[in-house]
Each structure stands twice: as C-alpha cells, then as structure tokens.
PDB file of N, CA and C in Angstrom:
ATOM      1  N   MET A   1     -33.556 -80.521 256.638  1.00  0.00           N
ATOM      2  CA  MET A   1     -32.798 -79.422 256.280  1.00  0.00           C
ATOM      3  C   MET A   1     -33.606 -78.203 255.815  1.00  0.00           C
ATOM      4  N   LEU A   2     -33.145 -76.797 256.212  1.00  0.00           N
ATOM      5  CA  LEU A   2     -34.012 -75.790 256.135  1.00  0.00           C
ATOM      6  C   LEU A   2     -33.520 -75.130 254.504  1.00  0.00           C
ATOM      7  N   SER A   3     -34.528 -74.582 253.924  1.00  0.00           N
ATOM      8  CA  SER A   3     -34.039 -73.835 252.572  1.00  0.00           C
ATOM      9  C   SER A   3     -33.109 -72.647 252.905  1.00  0.00           C
ATOM     10  N   ASN A   4     -32.461 -72.138 251.810  1.00  0.00           N
ATOM     11  CA  ASN A   4     -31.573 -71.082 251.830  1.00  0.00           C
ATOM     12  C   ASN A   4     -32.559 -69.752 252.352  1.00  0.00           C
ATOM     13  N   ALA A   5     -33.656 -69.695 251.677  1.00  0.00           N
ATOM     14  CA  ALA A   5     -34.517 -68.505 252.244  1.00  0.00           C
ATOM     15  C   ALA A   5     -34.978 -68.592 253.723  1.00  0.00           C
ATOM     16  N   CYS A   6     -35.230 -69.803 254.239  1.00  0.00           N
ATOM     17  CA  CYS A   6     -35.373 -70.005 255.728  1.00  0.00           C
ATOM     18  C   CYS A   6     -34.241 -69.735 256.695  1.00  0.00           C
ATOM     19  N   GLN A   7     -33.095 -70.073 255.907  1.00  0.00           N
ATOM     20  CA  GLN A   7     -31.693 -69.834 256.877  1.00  0.00           C
ATOM     21  C   GLN A   7     -31.559 -68.505 256.938  1.00  0.00           C
ATOM     22  N   TYR A   8     -31.865 -67.606 255.751  1.00  0.00           N
ATOM     23  CA  TYR A   8     -31.361 -66.178 255.739  1.00  0.00           C
ATOM     24  C   TYR A   8     -32.482 -65.258 256.828  1.00  0.00           C
ATOM     25  N   ALA A   9     -33.560 -65.925 256.771  1.00  0.00           N
ATOM     26  CA  ALA A   9     -34.561 -65.204 257.438  1.00  0.00           C
ATOM     27  C   ALA A   9     -34.228 -65.408 259.072  1.00  0.00           C
ATOM     28  N   ILE A  10     -33.857 -66.953 259.306  1.00  0.00           N
ATOM     29  CA  ILE A  10     -33.652 -66.955 260.758  1.00  0.00           C
ATOM     30  C   ILE A  10     -32.532 -66.075 261.215  1.00  0.00           C
ATOM     31  N   ARG A  11     -31.387 -66.185 260.281  1.00  0.00           N
ATOM     32  CA  ARG A  11     -30.308 -65.535 260.696  1.00  0.00           C
ATOM     33  C   ARG A  11     -30.427 -64.017 260.649  1.00  0.00           C
ATOM     34  N   SER A  12     -31.351 -63.383 259.942  1.00  0.00           N
ATOM     35  CA  SER A  12     -31.599 -62.068 259.950  1.00  0.00           C
ATOM     36  C   SER A  12     -32.401 -61.616 261.320  1.00  0.00           C
ATOM     37  N   MET A  13     -33.268 -62.473 261.707  1.00  0.00           N
ATOM     38  CA  MET A  13     -33.973 -62.319 263.012  1.00  0.00           C
ATOM     39  C   MET A  13     -32.983 -62.398 264.016  1.00  0.00           C
ATOM     40  N   LEU A  14     -32.075 -63.395 264.312  1.00  0.00           N
ATOM     41  CA  LEU A  14     -31.131 -63.427 265.257  1.00  0.00           C
ATOM     42  C   LEU A  14     -30.295 -62.265 265.425  1.00  0.00           C
ATOM     43  N   TYR A  15     -29.882 -61.913 264.257  1.00  0.00           N
ATOM     44  CA  TYR A  15     -28.885 -60.667 264.123  1.00  0.00           C
ATOM     45  C   TYR A  15     -29.639 -59.292 264.585  1.00  0.00           C
ATOM     46  N   LEU A  16     -30.942 -59.143 264.183  1.00  0.00           N
ATOM     47  CA  LEU A  16     -31.724 -58.125 264.850  1.00  0.00           C
ATOM     48  C   LEU A  16     -31.994 -58.193 266.376  1.00  0.00           C
ATOM     49  N   ALA A  17     -32.154 -59.390 266.937  1.00  0.00           N
ATOM     50  CA  ALA A  17     -32.398 -59.588 268.274  1.00  0.00           C
ATOM     51  C   ALA A  17     -31.188 -59.332 268.971  1.00  0.00           C
ATOM     52  N   MET A  18     -30.013 -59.643 268.396  1.00  0.00           N
ATOM     53  CA  MET A  18     -28.733 -59.256 269.055  1.00  0.00           C
ATOM     54  C   MET A  18     -28.438 -57.899 269.185  1.00  0.00           C
ATOM     55  N   LEU A  19     -29.005 -57.038 268.297  1.00  0.00           N
ATOM     56  CA  LEU A  19     -28.914 -55.629 268.411  1.00  0.00           C
ATOM     57  C   LEU A  19     -29.907 -54.898 268.797  1.00  0.00           C
ATOM     58  N   SER A  20     -30.812 -55.469 269.558  1.00  0.00           N
ATOM     59  CA  SER A  20     -32.140 -54.904 269.847  1.00  0.00           C
ATOM     60  C   SER A  20     -31.943 -53.901 270.999  1.00  0.00           C
ATOM     61  N   ASP A  21     -30.888 -53.864 271.792  1.00  0.00           N
ATOM     62  CA  ASP A  21     -30.790 -52.876 272.834  1.00  0.00           C
ATOM     63  C   ASP A  21     -30.171 -51.594 272.274  1.00  0.00           C
ATOM     64  N   GLU A  22     -29.696 -51.634 271.081  1.00  0.00           N
ATOM     65  CA  GLU A  22     -29.339 -50.435 270.496  1.00  0.00           C
ATOM     66  C   GLU A  22     -30.424 -49.483 270.020  1.00  0.00           C
ATOM     67  N   SER A  23     -30.510 -48.128 270.040  1.00  0.00           N
ATOM     68  CA  SER A  23     -31.550 -47.270 269.625  1.00  0.00           C
ATOM     69  C   SER A  23     -31.371 -46.908 268.190  1.00  0.00           C
ATOM     70  N   LYS A  24     -30.210 -47.214 267.538  1.00  0.00           N
ATOM     71  CA  LYS A  24     -30.332 -46.958 266.058  1.00  0.00           C
ATOM     72  C   LYS A  24     -30.956 -47.625 265.226  1.00  0.00           C
ATOM     73  N   ILE A  25     -31.285 -47.219 263.949  1.00  0.00           N
ATOM     74  CA  ILE A  25     -31.937 -48.016 262.943  1.00  0.00           C
ATOM     75  C   ILE A  25     -30.902 -48.652 262.204  1.00  0.00           C
ATOM     76  N   ILE A  26     -31.096 -50.075 261.826  1.00  0.00           N
ATOM     77  CA  ILE A  26     -30.405 -50.743 261.196  1.00  0.00           C
ATOM     78  C   ILE A  26     -31.011 -51.092 259.704  1.00  0.00           C
ATOM     79  N   GLY A  27     -30.291 -50.739 258.589  1.00  0.00           N
ATOM     80  CA  GLY A  27     -30.953 -50.817 257.351  1.00  0.00           C
ATOM     81  C   GLY A  27     -30.503 -52.351 256.739  1.00  0.00           C
ATOM     82  N   VAL A  28     -31.375 -52.504 255.783  1.00  0.00           N
ATOM     83  CA  VAL A  28     -31.260 -53.763 255.042  1.00  0.00           C
ATOM     84  C   VAL A  28     -29.874 -54.017 254.411  1.00  0.00           C
ATOM     85  N   LYS A  29     -29.286 -52.810 253.870  1.00  0.00           N
ATOM     86  CA  LYS A  29     -27.960 -53.139 253.421  1.00  0.00           C
ATOM     87  C   LYS A  29     -26.857 -53.625 254.379  1.00  0.00           C
ATOM     88  N   LYS A  30     -26.940 -53.101 255.637  1.00  0.00           N
ATOM     89  CA  LYS A  30     -25.973 -53.312 256.644  1.00  0.00           C
ATOM     90  C   LYS A  30     -26.135 -54.888 257.044  1.00  0.00           C
ATOM     91  N   ILE A  31     -27.520 -55.306 257.138  1.00  0.00           N
ATOM     92  CA  ILE A  31     -27.786 -56.599 257.238  1.00  0.00           C
ATOM     93  C   ILE A  31     -27.267 -57.512 256.383  1.00  0.00           C
ATOM     94  N   ALA A  32     -27.608 -57.132 255.267  1.00  0.00           N
ATOM     95  CA  ALA A  32     -27.035 -58.082 254.218  1.00  0.00           C
ATOM     96  C   ALA A  32     -25.571 -58.263 254.126  1.00  0.00           C
ATOM     97  N   GLU A  33     -24.790 -57.118 254.156  1.00  0.00           N
ATOM     98  CA  GLU A  33     -23.360 -57.087 254.396  1.00  0.00           C
ATOM     99  C   GLU A  33     -22.954 -58.068 255.544  1.00  0.00           C
ATOM    100  N   GLU A  34     -23.445 -57.686 256.766  1.00  0.00           N
ATOM    101  CA  GLU A  34     -22.996 -58.370 258.012  1.00  0.00           C
ATOM    102  C   GLU A  34     -23.150 -59.950 257.787  1.00  0.00           C
ATOM    103  N   LEU A  35     -24.464 -60.300 257.114  1.00  0.00           N
ATOM    104  CA  LEU A  35     -24.559 -61.778 257.062  1.00  0.00           C
ATOM    105  C   LEU A  35     -24.499 -62.530 255.863  1.00  0.00           C
ATOM    106  N   GLU A  36     -23.833 -61.823 254.667  1.00  0.00           N
ATOM    107  CA  GLU A  36     -23.435 -62.272 253.637  1.00  0.00           C
ATOM    108  C   GLU A  36     -24.710 -62.897 252.783  1.00  0.00           C
ATOM    109  N   ALA A  37     -25.906 -62.035 252.959  1.00  0.00           N
ATOM    110  CA  ALA A  37     -27.265 -62.630 252.347  1.00  0.00           C
ATOM    111  C   ALA A  37     -27.558 -61.736 251.349  1.00  0.00           C
ATOM    112  N   PRO A  38     -28.508 -62.128 250.339  1.00  0.00           N
ATOM    113  CA  PRO A  38     -28.864 -61.269 249.375  1.00  0.00           C
ATOM    114  C   PRO A  38     -29.924 -60.112 249.752  1.00  0.00           C
ATOM    115  N   GLN A  39     -29.446 -58.929 249.410  1.00  0.00           N
ATOM    116  CA  GLN A  39     -30.159 -57.614 249.920  1.00  0.00           C
ATOM    117  C   GLN A  39     -31.597 -57.706 249.413  1.00  0.00           C
ATOM    118  N   PRO A  40     -31.836 -58.012 247.987  1.00  0.00           N
ATOM    119  CA  PRO A  40     -33.255 -57.911 247.721  1.00  0.00           C
ATOM    120  C   PRO A  40     -34.114 -59.016 248.440  1.00  0.00           C
ATOM    121  N   PHE A  41     -33.487 -60.097 248.807  1.00  0.00           N
ATOM    122  CA  PHE A  41     -34.392 -61.105 249.525  1.00  0.00           C
ATOM    123  C   PHE A  41     -34.703 -60.591 250.912  1.00  0.00           C
ATOM    124  N   LEU A  42     -33.813 -59.893 251.711  1.00  0.00           N
ATOM    125  CA  LEU A  42     -33.867 -59.473 253.086  1.00  0.00           C
ATOM    126  C   LEU A  42     -34.752 -58.139 253.006  1.00  0.00           C
ATOM    127  N   ALA A  43     -34.874 -57.517 252.127  1.00  0.00           N
ATOM    128  CA  ALA A  43     -35.931 -56.404 251.805  1.00  0.00           C
ATOM    129  C   ALA A  43     -37.340 -56.987 252.144  1.00  0.00           C
ATOM    130  N   LYS A  44     -37.465 -58.281 251.631  1.00  0.00           N
ATOM    131  CA  LYS A  44     -38.844 -58.659 251.547  1.00  0.00           C
ATOM    132  C   LYS A  44     -39.427 -59.138 252.929  1.00  0.00           C
ATOM    133  N   LEU A  45     -38.479 -59.254 253.953  1.00  0.00           N
ATOM    134  CA  LEU A  45     -38.571 -59.748 255.147  1.00  0.00           C
ATOM    135  C   LEU A  45     -39.523 -58.789 256.094  1.00  0.00           C
TER     136      LEU A  45
END
C-alpha cells in the first residue's frame, strides 16, 4: 500500500498529464481543490 504522500503525488501527476494539451498554467491551489489534497504538500512537488 502506498503512503498518502505518494498517492497525492501520483494523482497530481496524472491530473497534470490529463490537462497537458491545454496551454494555460495550472496553479497549486486549483490542483489541490480538484484533487482534495493538501495545498502545502502539493506546493512541494
């Protein structure tokens, strides 16, 4: 089983990969809201 930190990291990378064809910048706040993940943790990735 993966740790919560690892799960957040994988989910974040998958989210960014799904939106990679868009030319706009996606901020940490938006990712945290979409994934219901802690913003301070995602900022470290």
